[in-house]
Amino acid sequence: MKVAVIGAGGFLGRSLVTTLVGRGVAVHALARDWRGSGLEDGPLVTRFEGDAADPEVARTTLRGCSVAYLMAYHGMPLMDGADHLVEYDVNLRILNSAISGAEYGGVERLVLLSSGGTVYGETSEPATEDSALNPKSHYGAIKKLSEEMLAQYSAIAGTLGYTVARVANPFGPGQVHAKRKGLIVSAMLKALTGEPVLVHDDGTQVRDYIYSDDVVHALLALATSPEAVDSVFNVGSGRGRSVADVLSDVERVAGRQFERKHVRGRQQDVDANVLDVEKLHKVVGTLEEVGYETGLERTWDAVRRSAAAVRDLT
């Protein structure tokens, strides 16, 4: 089996490629720019560089692959002041190019990385895959549109199988050098520098946090499960944690405290968002899981090593 990863230069994309190669799977990896990625060509990795919105780039990358993961996203999720019309345009063109490339290249399954943390909007109870989709951000709206377009195309064409993975709030070592670091890695970096951590509103907002390796294990299982074809799955821990609690957990793991600087909340934020993951576990069975606590420890170790490497260079 040969697998394509569109968006392989990103945080989760790099983790997925590394895990696939570790399992002896050949990978076609596409990124806009490989500089500083740490991922090199090898016996099992063929790197492609270019614009994922370009149909020819997608066709070249996906040719001969049986499974393709669409993980690329243009823009910075939840960023205020972005050109959101461009964001809609480019990301839907990325999806169209991936579908075209999949059909042209003979791909049997296209796995779309969606966002469980944004497509549902506010959730008073853990959201199931059948819960209403009420995104409050452009990022969530684009993910919702992408899901609908892919499902509609597959239903009409009948030639391309797909799986949608609605991922919660992932964190892990790979975020240390990512543009969008997330709460946990950002707080760990602040713990090292002594700078205050920005907390929107009072920090009682609840989210579902999942370690990056656990996301990858779920994505691998979904791509090979016959029961996951033409279906949607939540990928999360199934447990909600408040921002305040997560920051306390980071302080405990780091062994140091940091200042909290409270700022005004953002319009696109929700008070609570937790995913129900019963369907995922019912379909793919028991997953290899690292878990939240061990994930925090591994991430902190990576943050410390990164800081030490920077110090050694100065």
C-alpha atoms as a PDB file:
ATOM      1  CA  MET A   1       0.000   0.000   0.000  1.00  0.00           C
ATOM      2  CA  LYS A   2       1.157   3.521  -0.842  1.00  0.00           C
ATOM      3  CA  VAL A   3      -0.265   6.502   1.068  1.00  0.00           C
ATOM      4  CA  ALA A   4      -0.363  10.189   0.154  1.00  0.00           C
ATOM      5  CA  VAL A   5      -0.325  12.955   2.762  1.00  0.00           C
ATOM      6  CA  ILE A   6      -1.371  16.401   1.504  1.00  0.00           C
ATOM      7  CA  GLY A   7      -0.184  18.890   4.106  1.00  0.00           C
ATOM      8  CA  ALA A   8       2.708  16.733   5.281  1.00  0.00           C
ATOM      9  CA  GLY A   9       4.694  19.748   6.418  1.00  0.00           C
ATOM     10  CA  GLY A  10       2.236  20.564   9.187  1.00  0.00           C
ATOM     11  CA  PHE A  11       2.244  19.488  12.810  1.00  0.00           C
ATOM     12  CA  LEU A  12      -0.015  16.428  12.433  1.00  0.00           C
ATOM     13  CA  GLY A  13       1.108  15.739   8.873  1.00  0.00           C
ATOM     14  CA  ARG A  14       4.723  15.224   9.930  1.00  0.00           C
ATOM     15  CA  SER A  15       3.616  12.941  12.763  1.00  0.00           C
ATOM     16  CA  LEU A  16       1.496  10.881  10.385  1.00  0.00           C
ATOM     17  CA  VAL A  17       4.288  10.498   7.828  1.00  0.00           C
ATOM     18  CA  THR A  18       6.789   9.478  10.509  1.00  0.00           C
ATOM     19  CA  THR A  19       4.408   6.839  11.894  1.00  0.00           C
ATOM     20  CA  LEU A  20       3.578   5.451   8.446  1.00  0.00           C
ATOM     21  CA  VAL A  21       7.259   5.103   7.576  1.00  0.00           C
ATOM     22  CA  GLY A  22       7.881   3.428  10.931  1.00  0.00           C
ATOM     23  CA  ARG A  23       5.302   0.839   9.926  1.00  0.00           C
ATOM     24  CA  GLY A  24       6.991   0.224   6.592  1.00  0.00           C
ATOM     25  CA  VAL A  25       4.444   2.110   4.463  1.00  0.00           C
ATOM     26  CA  ALA A  26       5.565   4.043   1.381  1.00  0.00           C
ATOM     27  CA  VAL A  27       4.454   7.682   1.491  1.00  0.00           C
ATOM     28  CA  HIS A  28       4.004  10.485  -1.035  1.00  0.00           C
ATOM     29  CA  ALA A  29       4.313  13.627   1.090  1.00  0.00           C
ATOM     30  CA  LEU A  30       3.213  17.050  -0.195  1.00  0.00           C
ATOM     31  CA  ALA A  31       4.099  20.368   1.438  1.00  0.00           C
ATOM     32  CA  ARG A  32       4.223  23.939   0.175  1.00  0.00           C
ATOM     33  CA  ASP A  33       7.731  24.376   1.573  1.00  0.00           C
ATOM     34  CA  TRP A  34       9.958  21.714   3.118  1.00  0.00           C
ATOM     35  CA  ARG A  35      12.566  24.052   4.576  1.00  0.00           C
ATOM     36  CA  GLY A  36      13.070  23.399   8.268  1.00  0.00           C
ATOM     37  CA  SER A  37      10.607  20.503   8.316  1.00  0.00           C
ATOM     38  CA  GLY A  38      13.120  17.867   9.389  1.00  0.00           C
ATOM     39  CA  LEU A  39      11.551  15.390   6.957  1.00  0.00           C
ATOM     40  CA  GLU A  40      13.814  14.081   4.212  1.00  0.00           C
ATOM     41  CA  ASP A  41      13.405  11.834   1.174  1.00  0.00           C
ATOM     42  CA  GLY A  42      14.189   8.206   1.868  1.00  0.00           C
ATOM     43  CA  PRO A  43      13.495   4.654   0.749  1.00  0.00           C
ATOM     44  CA  LEU A  44       9.855   5.006   1.840  1.00  0.00           C
ATOM     45  CA  VAL A  45       9.305   8.776   1.513  1.00  0.00           C
ATOM     46  CA  THR A  46       8.922  10.720  -1.708  1.00  0.00           C
ATOM     47  CA  ARG A  47       8.583  14.452  -1.052  1.00  0.00           C
ATOM     48  CA  PHE A  48       6.605  16.732  -3.336  1.00  0.00           C
ATOM     49  CA  GLU A  49       6.659  20.514  -3.027  1.00  0.00           C
ATOM     50  CA  GLY A  50       3.989  22.843  -4.363  1.00  0.00           C
ATOM     51  CA  ASP A  51       0.565  24.396  -4.017  1.00  0.00           C
ATOM     52  CA  ALA A  52      -2.053  21.880  -2.872  1.00  0.00           C
ATOM     53  CA  ALA A  53      -4.705  23.997  -4.630  1.00  0.00           C
ATOM     54  CA  ASP A  54      -3.055  23.265  -7.986  1.00  0.00           C
ATOM     55  CA  PRO A  55      -4.788  20.238  -9.585  1.00  0.00           C
ATOM     56  CA  GLU A  56      -1.617  19.147 -11.368  1.00  0.00           C
ATOM     57  CA  VAL A  57       0.371  19.159  -8.129  1.00  0.00           C
ATOM     58  CA  ALA A  58      -2.321  17.047  -6.450  1.00  0.00           C
ATOM     59  CA  ARG A  59      -2.482  14.629  -9.379  1.00  0.00           C
ATOM     60  CA  THR A  60       1.276  14.139  -9.363  1.00  0.00           C
ATOM     61  CA  THR A  61       1.321  13.541  -5.605  1.00  0.00           C
ATOM     62  CA  LEU A  62      -1.627  11.135  -5.476  1.00  0.00           C
ATOM     63  CA  ARG A  63      -0.759   9.037  -8.528  1.00  0.00           C
ATOM     64  CA  GLY A  64      -0.470   5.368  -7.560  1.00  0.00           C
ATOM     65  CA  CYS A  65      -1.657   5.821  -3.958  1.00  0.00           C
ATOM     66  CA  SER A  66      -4.509   3.778  -2.502  1.00  0.00           C
ATOM     67  CA  VAL A  67      -5.174   6.089   0.473  1.00  0.00           C
ATOM     68  CA  ALA A  68      -4.827   9.869   0.673  1.00  0.00           C
ATOM     69  CA  TYR A  69      -5.025  12.144   3.708  1.00  0.00           C
ATOM     70  CA  LEU A  70      -6.089  15.750   3.119  1.00  0.00           C
ATOM     71  CA  MET A  71      -4.536  17.714   5.989  1.00  0.00           C
ATOM     72  CA  ALA A  72      -3.567  20.956   4.240  1.00  0.00           C
ATOM     73  CA  TYR A  73      -5.182  24.235   5.277  1.00  0.00           C
ATOM     74  CA  HIS A  74      -4.548  27.729   3.972  1.00  0.00           C
ATOM     75  CA  GLY A  75      -4.675  30.409   6.646  1.00  0.00           C
ATOM     76  CA  MET A  76      -4.392  30.580  10.411  1.00  0.00           C
ATOM     77  CA  PRO A  77      -7.430  29.084  12.183  1.00  0.00           C
ATOM     78  CA  LEU A  78      -9.362  31.482  14.444  1.00  0.00           C
ATOM     79  CA  MET A  79      -7.114  34.436  13.592  1.00  0.00           C
ATOM     80  CA  ASP A  80      -8.809  37.821  13.673  1.00  0.00           C
ATOM     81  CA  GLY A  81      -8.203  40.198  10.779  1.00  0.00           C
ATOM     82  CA  ALA A  82      -7.460  37.500   8.187  1.00  0.00           C
ATOM     83  CA  ASP A  83      -8.759  37.744   4.624  1.00  0.00           C
ATOM     84  CA  HIS A  84     -11.495  35.169   5.101  1.00  0.00           C
ATOM     85  CA  LEU A  85     -12.825  35.337   1.533  1.00  0.00           C
ATOM     86  CA  VAL A  86      -9.407  34.224   0.301  1.00  0.00           C
ATOM     87  CA  GLU A  87      -9.430  31.550   2.986  1.00  0.00           C
ATOM     88  CA  TYR A  88     -12.731  30.128   1.685  1.00  0.00           C
ATOM     89  CA  ASP A  89     -11.585  30.281  -1.926  1.00  0.00           C
ATOM     90  CA  VAL A  90      -8.198  28.620  -1.466  1.00  0.00           C
ATOM     91  CA  ASN A  91      -9.295  25.870   0.894  1.00  0.00           C
ATOM     92  CA  LEU A  92     -12.211  24.784  -1.273  1.00  0.00           C
ATOM     93  CA  ARG A  93      -9.853  24.734  -4.254  1.00  0.00           C
ATOM     94  CA  ILE A  94      -7.493  22.541  -2.234  1.00  0.00           C
ATOM     95  CA  LEU A  95     -10.378  20.138  -1.655  1.00  0.00           C
ATOM     96  CA  ASN A  96     -11.339  20.156  -5.349  1.00  0.00           C
ATOM     97  CA  SER A  97      -7.754  19.466  -6.358  1.00  0.00           C
ATOM     98  CA  ALA A  98      -7.514  16.589  -3.880  1.00  0.00           C
ATOM     99  CA  ILE A  99     -10.708  15.026  -5.222  1.00  0.00           C
ATOM    100  CA  SER A 100      -9.515  15.446  -8.807  1.00  0.00           C
ATOM    101  CA  GLY A 101      -6.109  13.998  -7.960  1.00  0.00           C
ATOM    102  CA  ALA A 102      -7.681  11.095  -6.093  1.00  0.00           C
ATOM    103  CA  GLU A 103      -9.920  10.201  -9.025  1.00  0.00           C
ATOM    104  CA  TYR A 104      -7.078  10.561 -11.509  1.00  0.00           C
ATOM    105  CA  GLY A 105      -4.589   8.634  -9.377  1.00  0.00           C
ATOM    106  CA  GLY A 106      -6.837   5.714  -8.492  1.00  0.00           C
ATOM    107  CA  VAL A 107      -7.152   6.527  -4.787  1.00  0.00           C
ATOM    108  CA  GLU A 108      -9.640   4.262  -3.028  1.00  0.00           C
ATOM    109  CA  ARG A 109     -10.099   6.316   0.166  1.00  0.00           C
ATOM    110  CA  LEU A 110      -9.746  10.049   0.798  1.00  0.00           C
ATOM    111  CA  VAL A 111      -9.490  10.916   4.504  1.00  0.00           C
ATOM    112  CA  LEU A 112     -10.442  14.527   5.211  1.00  0.00           C
ATOM    113  CA  LEU A 113      -9.128  16.118   8.379  1.00  0.00           C
ATOM    114  CA  SER A 114     -11.966  18.233   9.772  1.00  0.00           C
ATOM    115  CA  SER A 115     -12.333  20.045  13.096  1.00  0.00           C
ATOM    116  CA  GLY A 116     -14.388  18.630  15.934  1.00  0.00           C
ATOM    117  CA  GLY A 117     -13.323  21.629  17.959  1.00  0.00           C
ATOM    118  CA  THR A 118     -15.100  24.117  15.669  1.00  0.00           C
ATOM    119  CA  VAL A 119     -17.767  22.549  13.416  1.00  0.00           C
ATOM    120  CA  TYR A 120     -20.207  21.873  16.281  1.00  0.00           C
ATOM    121  CA  GLY A 121     -19.954  25.274  17.904  1.00  0.00           C
ATOM    122  CA  GLU A 122     -21.293  25.340  21.453  1.00  0.00           C
ATOM    123  CA  THR A 123     -22.004  21.910  22.986  1.00  0.00           C
ATOM    124  CA  SER A 124     -23.843  21.533  26.289  1.00  0.00           C
ATOM    125  CA  GLU A 125     -23.290  17.759  26.068  1.00  0.00           C
ATOM    126  CA  PRO A 126     -20.514  15.806  24.317  1.00  0.00           C
ATOM    127  CA  ALA A 127     -21.204  16.153  20.590  1.00  0.00           C
ATOM    128  CA  THR A 128     -21.942  13.023  18.588  1.00  0.00           C
ATOM    129  CA  GLU A 129     -21.435  12.790  14.853  1.00  0.00           C
ATOM    130  CA  ASP A 130     -25.186  13.390  14.438  1.00  0.00           C
ATOM    131  CA  SER A 131     -25.181  16.616  16.465  1.00  0.00           C
ATOM    132  CA  ALA A 132     -26.081  19.836  14.661  1.00  0.00           C
ATOM    133  CA  LEU A 133     -23.196  21.726  13.073  1.00  0.00           C
ATOM    134  CA  ASN A 134     -23.182  25.375  14.171  1.00  0.00           C
ATOM    135  CA  PRO A 135     -19.673  26.764  13.625  1.00  0.00           C
ATOM    136  CA  LYS A 136     -18.970  30.213  15.053  1.00  0.00           C
ATOM    137  CA  SER A 137     -15.732  30.770  13.140  1.00  0.00           C
ATOM    138  CA  HIS A 138     -14.814  30.975   9.461  1.00  0.00           C
ATOM    139  CA  TYR A 139     -12.416  28.076  10.045  1.00  0.00           C
ATOM    140  CA  GLY A 140     -15.246  25.874  11.295  1.00  0.00           C
ATOM    141  CA  ALA A 141     -17.523  26.998   8.469  1.00  0.00           C
ATOM    142  CA  ILE A 142     -14.882  26.092   5.869  1.00  0.00           C
ATOM    143  CA  LYS A 143     -14.446  22.652   7.428  1.00  0.00           C
ATOM    144  CA  LYS A 144     -18.232  22.146   7.402  1.00  0.00           C
ATOM    145  CA  LEU A 145     -18.433  23.145   3.738  1.00  0.00           C
ATOM    146  CA  SER A 146     -15.542  20.833   2.881  1.00  0.00           C
ATOM    147  CA  GLU A 147     -17.260  17.896   4.542  1.00  0.00           C
ATOM    148  CA  GLU A 148     -20.497  18.587   2.681  1.00  0.00           C
ATOM    149  CA  MET A 149     -18.793  19.013  -0.686  1.00  0.00           C
ATOM    150  CA  LEU A 150     -16.839  15.782  -0.330  1.00  0.00           C
ATOM    151  CA  ALA A 151     -19.899  13.787   0.758  1.00  0.00           C
ATOM    152  CA  GLN A 152     -22.018  15.232  -2.050  1.00  0.00           C
ATOM    153  CA  TYR A 153     -19.383  14.534  -4.679  1.00  0.00           C
ATOM    154  CA  SER A 154     -18.905  10.966  -3.459  1.00  0.00           C
ATOM    155  CA  ALA A 155     -22.668  10.316  -3.442  1.00  0.00           C
ATOM    156  CA  ILE A 156     -23.131  11.581  -7.002  1.00  0.00           C
ATOM    157  CA  ALA A 157     -19.960  10.229  -8.586  1.00  0.00           C
ATOM    158  CA  GLY A 158     -19.974   6.966  -6.658  1.00  0.00           C
ATOM    159  CA  THR A 159     -16.317   6.350  -7.432  1.00  0.00           C
ATOM    160  CA  LEU A 160     -14.419   7.731  -4.444  1.00  0.00           C
ATOM    161  CA  GLY A 161     -14.695   6.462  -0.896  1.00  0.00           C
ATOM    162  CA  TYR A 162     -14.090   8.964   1.887  1.00  0.00           C
ATOM    163  CA  THR A 163     -13.770   9.259   5.649  1.00  0.00           C
ATOM    164  CA  VAL A 164     -14.080  12.474   7.658  1.00  0.00           C
ATOM    165  CA  ALA A 165     -12.117  12.768  10.906  1.00  0.00           C
ATOM    166  CA  ARG A 166     -13.364  15.581  13.161  1.00  0.00           C
ATOM    167  CA  VAL A 167     -10.307  16.081  15.345  1.00  0.00           C
ATOM    168  CA  ALA A 168     -10.590  17.839  18.725  1.00  0.00           C
ATOM    169  CA  ASN A 169      -7.730  20.005  20.071  1.00  0.00           C
ATOM    170  CA  PRO A 170      -4.471  18.167  19.345  1.00  0.00           C
ATOM    171  CA  PHE A 171      -1.207  18.871  21.133  1.00  0.00           C
ATOM    172  CA  GLY A 172       2.245  17.344  21.053  1.00  0.00           C
ATOM    173  CA  PRO A 173       6.002  17.825  20.526  1.00  0.00           C
ATOM    174  CA  GLY A 174       5.565  18.679  16.853  1.00  0.00           C
ATOM    175  CA  GLN A 175       3.830  21.923  17.777  1.00  0.00           C
ATOM    176  CA  VAL A 176       6.996  23.392  19.279  1.00  0.00           C
ATOM    177  CA  HIS A 177       8.056  24.770  15.882  1.00  0.00           C
ATOM    178  CA  ALA A 178       4.567  25.111  14.367  1.00  0.00           C
ATOM    179  CA  LYS A 179       3.012  28.474  13.496  1.00  0.00           C
ATOM    180  CA  ARG A 180      -0.087  27.663  15.536  1.00  0.00           C
ATOM    181  CA  LYS A 181       1.075  26.137  18.791  1.00  0.00           C
ATOM    182  CA  GLY A 182      -2.115  25.695  20.767  1.00  0.00           C
ATOM    183  CA  LEU A 183      -2.698  26.361  24.458  1.00  0.00           C
ATOM    184  CA  ILE A 184      -0.543  23.610  25.947  1.00  0.00           C
ATOM    185  CA  VAL A 185       2.675  24.184  24.003  1.00  0.00           C
ATOM    186  CA  SER A 186       2.286  27.959  24.231  1.00  0.00           C
ATOM    187  CA  ALA A 187       1.946  27.710  28.017  1.00  0.00           C
ATOM    188  CA  MET A 188       4.995  25.445  28.244  1.00  0.00           C
ATOM    189  CA  LEU A 189       7.086  27.903  26.274  1.00  0.00           C
ATOM    190  CA  LYS A 190       5.906  30.710  28.570  1.00  0.00           C
ATOM    191  CA  ALA A 191       6.879  28.583  31.557  1.00  0.00           C
ATOM    192  CA  LEU A 192      10.429  28.535  30.206  1.00  0.00           C
ATOM    193  CA  THR A 193      10.637  32.225  29.346  1.00  0.00           C
ATOM    194  CA  GLY A 194       8.758  33.543  32.370  1.00  0.00           C
ATOM    195  CA  GLU A 195       6.351  35.506  30.203  1.00  0.00           C
ATOM    196  CA  PRO A 196       2.653  35.660  31.152  1.00  0.00           C
ATOM    197  CA  VAL A 197       0.155  33.300  29.520  1.00  0.00           C
ATOM    198  CA  LEU A 198      -2.770  35.027  27.824  1.00  0.00           C
ATOM    199  CA  VAL A 199      -6.108  33.685  29.071  1.00  0.00           C
ATOM    200  CA  HIS A 200      -9.283  34.700  27.248  1.00  0.00           C
ATOM    201  CA  ASP A 201     -12.011  35.709  29.707  1.00  0.00           C
ATOM    202  CA  ASP A 202     -11.907  33.758  32.985  1.00  0.00           C
ATOM    203  CA  GLY A 203     -10.397  30.488  31.752  1.00  0.00           C
ATOM    204  CA  THR A 204     -13.471  28.358  32.453  1.00  0.00           C
ATOM    205  CA  GLN A 205     -13.912  27.436  28.785  1.00  0.00           C
ATOM    206  CA  VAL A 206     -13.914  23.653  28.337  1.00  0.00           C
ATOM    207  CA  ARG A 207     -12.200  21.838  25.473  1.00  0.00           C
ATOM    208  CA  ASP A 208     -11.315  18.282  24.464  1.00  0.00           C
ATOM    209  CA  TYR A 209      -7.526  17.858  24.259  1.00  0.00           C
ATOM    210  CA  ILE A 210      -5.918  14.851  22.555  1.00  0.00           C
ATOM    211  CA  TYR A 211      -2.256  13.922  22.163  1.00  0.00           C
ATOM    212  CA  SER A 212      -0.944  13.980  18.580  1.00  0.00           C
ATOM    213  CA  ASP A 213       0.141  10.317  18.480  1.00  0.00           C
ATOM    214  CA  ASP A 214      -3.366   9.303  19.545  1.00  0.00           C
ATOM    215  CA  VAL A 215      -4.798  11.310  16.643  1.00  0.00           C
ATOM    216  CA  VAL A 216      -2.430   9.578  14.228  1.00  0.00           C
ATOM    217  CA  HIS A 217      -3.348   6.116  15.513  1.00  0.00           C
ATOM    218  CA  ALA A 218      -7.027   6.929  14.997  1.00  0.00           C
ATOM    219  CA  LEU A 219      -6.385   8.238  11.470  1.00  0.00           C
ATOM    220  CA  LEU A 220      -4.498   5.075  10.535  1.00  0.00           C
ATOM    221  CA  ALA A 221      -7.277   2.852  11.853  1.00  0.00           C
ATOM    222  CA  LEU A 222     -10.014   4.811  10.102  1.00  0.00           C
ATOM    223  CA  ALA A 223      -8.249   4.687   6.734  1.00  0.00           C
ATOM    224  CA  THR A 224      -8.187   0.887   6.724  1.00  0.00           C
ATOM    225  CA  SER A 225     -11.558   0.104   8.318  1.00  0.00           C
ATOM    226  CA  PRO A 226     -14.254  -1.022   5.824  1.00  0.00           C
ATOM    227  CA  GLU A 227     -16.910   0.287   8.215  1.00  0.00           C
ATOM    228  CA  ALA A 228     -15.431   3.785   8.093  1.00  0.00           C
ATOM    229  CA  VAL A 229     -16.082   4.323   4.379  1.00  0.00           C
ATOM    230  CA  ASP A 230     -18.354   7.275   3.562  1.00  0.00           C
ATOM    231  CA  SER A 231     -18.723   8.151   7.217  1.00  0.00           C
ATOM    232  CA  VAL A 232     -17.793  10.798   9.794  1.00  0.00           C
ATOM    233  CA  PHE A 233     -15.951  10.220  13.072  1.00  0.00           C
ATOM    234  CA  ASN A 234     -15.061  12.304  16.095  1.00  0.00           C
ATOM    235  CA  VAL A 235     -11.425  11.954  17.134  1.00  0.00           C
ATOM    236  CA  GLY A 236     -10.887  13.197  20.661  1.00  0.00           C
ATOM    237  CA  SER A 237     -10.379  12.081  24.236  1.00  0.00           C
ATOM    238  CA  GLY A 238     -14.067  12.254  25.105  1.00  0.00           C
ATOM    239  CA  ARG A 239     -13.243  14.301  28.182  1.00  0.00           C
ATOM    240  CA  GLY A 240     -13.530  18.044  28.731  1.00  0.00           C
ATOM    241  CA  ARG A 241     -10.907  20.109  30.529  1.00  0.00           C
ATOM    242  CA  SER A 242     -11.109  23.796  31.335  1.00  0.00           C
ATOM    243  CA  VAL A 243      -8.382  26.192  30.235  1.00  0.00           C
ATOM    244  CA  ALA A 244      -7.635  26.923  33.896  1.00  0.00           C
ATOM    245  CA  ASP A 245      -7.246  23.213  34.695  1.00  0.00           C
ATOM    246  CA  VAL A 246      -4.984  22.633  31.682  1.00  0.00           C
ATOM    247  CA  LEU A 247      -2.735  25.514  32.738  1.00  0.00           C
ATOM    248  CA  SER A 248      -2.491  24.049  36.239  1.00  0.00           C
ATOM    249  CA  ASP A 249      -1.567  20.687  34.678  1.00  0.00           C
ATOM    250  CA  VAL A 250       1.181  22.359  32.651  1.00  0.00           C
ATOM    251  CA  GLU A 251       2.548  24.032  35.785  1.00  0.00           C
ATOM    252  CA  ARG A 252       2.590  20.668  37.560  1.00  0.00           C
ATOM    253  CA  VAL A 253       4.418  18.878  34.738  1.00  0.00           C
ATOM    254  CA  ALA A 254       6.843  21.774  34.207  1.00  0.00           C
ATOM    255  CA  GLY A 255       7.483  22.180  37.925  1.00  0.00           C
ATOM    256  CA  ARG A 256       7.140  25.939  37.709  1.00  0.00           C
ATOM    257  CA  GLN A 257       4.398  28.538  37.777  1.00  0.00           C
ATOM    258  CA  PHE A 258       3.632  31.350  35.354  1.00  0.00           C
ATOM    259  CA  GLU A 259       1.602  34.518  35.406  1.00  0.00           C
ATOM    260  CA  ARG A 260      -1.870  34.487  33.867  1.00  0.00           C
ATOM    261  CA  LYS A 261      -2.865  37.610  31.972  1.00  0.00           C
ATOM    262  CA  HIS A 262      -6.621  37.735  31.361  1.00  0.00           C
ATOM    263  CA  VAL A 263      -7.770  39.379  28.137  1.00  0.00           C
ATOM    264  CA  ARG A 264     -11.135  39.864  26.460  1.00  0.00           C
ATOM    265  CA  GLY A 265     -12.641  36.762  24.860  1.00  0.00           C
ATOM    266  CA  ARG A 266     -12.948  36.319  21.109  1.00  0.00           C
ATOM    267  CA  GLN A 267     -16.235  36.293  19.230  1.00  0.00           C
ATOM    268  CA  GLN A 268     -15.567  32.871  17.723  1.00  0.00           C
ATOM    269  CA  ASP A 269     -14.832  31.163  21.054  1.00  0.00           C
ATOM    270  CA  VAL A 270     -17.365  28.838  22.682  1.00  0.00           C
ATOM    271  CA  ASP A 271     -17.804  28.061  26.376  1.00  0.00           C
ATOM    272  CA  ALA A 272     -17.753  24.296  25.965  1.00  0.00           C
ATOM    273  CA  ASN A 273     -16.797  21.821  23.237  1.00  0.00           C
ATOM    274  CA  VAL A 274     -16.311  18.117  23.995  1.00  0.00           C
ATOM    275  CA  LEU A 275     -16.547  15.179  21.597  1.00  0.00           C
ATOM    276  CA  ASP A 276     -18.363  11.880  22.036  1.00  0.00           C
ATOM    277  CA  VAL A 277     -15.982   9.208  20.661  1.00  0.00           C
ATOM    278  CA  GLU A 278     -18.148   6.113  21.099  1.00  0.00           C
ATOM    279  CA  LYS A 279     -18.595   5.656  17.336  1.00  0.00           C
ATOM    280  CA  LEU A 280     -14.826   5.764  16.737  1.00  0.00           C
ATOM    281  CA  HIS A 281     -14.088   3.065  19.293  1.00  0.00           C
ATOM    282  CA  LYS A 282     -17.027   0.958  18.171  1.00  0.00           C
ATOM    283  CA  VAL A 283     -15.773   0.882  14.578  1.00  0.00           C
ATOM    284  CA  VAL A 284     -11.988   0.651  14.966  1.00  0.00           C
ATOM    285  CA  GLY A 285     -11.839  -1.162  18.314  1.00  0.00           C
ATOM    286  CA  THR A 286      -9.148  -0.556  20.917  1.00  0.00           C
ATOM    287  CA  LEU A 287      -6.643   2.039  19.780  1.00  0.00           C
ATOM    288  CA  GLU A 288      -3.012   2.346  20.807  1.00  0.00           C
ATOM    289  CA  GLU A 289      -3.207   5.397  23.060  1.00  0.00           C
ATOM    290  CA  VAL A 290      -0.625   7.509  24.846  1.00  0.00           C
ATOM    291  CA  GLY A 291      -3.143   9.575  26.781  1.00  0.00           C
ATOM    292  CA  TYR A 292      -3.284  13.103  28.147  1.00  0.00           C
ATOM    293  CA  GLU A 293      -0.927  12.802  31.133  1.00  0.00           C
ATOM    294  CA  THR A 294       1.878  10.980  29.346  1.00  0.00           C
ATOM    295  CA  GLY A 295       1.328  13.261  26.357  1.00  0.00           C
ATOM    296  CA  LEU A 296       1.905  16.303  28.571  1.00  0.00           C
ATOM    297  CA  GLU A 297       5.158  14.839  29.884  1.00  0.00           C
ATOM    298  CA  ARG A 298       6.446  14.001  26.386  1.00  0.00           C
ATOM    299  CA  THR A 299       5.535  17.436  25.116  1.00  0.00           C
ATOM    300  CA  TRP A 300       7.279  19.171  28.021  1.00  0.00           C
ATOM    301  CA  ASP A 301      10.418  17.097  27.384  1.00  0.00           C
ATOM    302  CA  ALA A 302      10.364  18.217  23.733  1.00  0.00           C
ATOM    303  CA  VAL A 303       9.923  21.868  24.729  1.00  0.00           C
ATOM    304  CA  ARG A 304      12.866  21.674  27.131  1.00  0.00           C
ATOM    305  CA  ARG A 305      15.085  19.952  24.549  1.00  0.00           C
ATOM    306  CA  SER A 306      14.211  22.580  21.978  1.00  0.00           C
ATOM    307  CA  ALA A 307      15.100  25.382  24.383  1.00  0.00           C
ATOM    308  CA  ALA A 308      18.389  23.680  25.257  1.00  0.00           C
ATOM    309  CA  ALA A 309      19.273  23.328  21.568  1.00  0.00           C
ATOM    310  CA  VAL A 310      18.655  27.035  21.017  1.00  0.00           C
ATOM    311  CA  ARG A 311      20.851  27.928  23.995  1.00  0.00           C
ATOM    312  CA  ASP A 312      23.663  25.705  22.663  1.00  0.00           C
ATOM    313  CA  LEU A 313      23.636  27.627  19.381  1.00  0.00           C
ATOM    314  CA  THR A 314      23.902  31.045  21.008  1.00  0.00           C
END
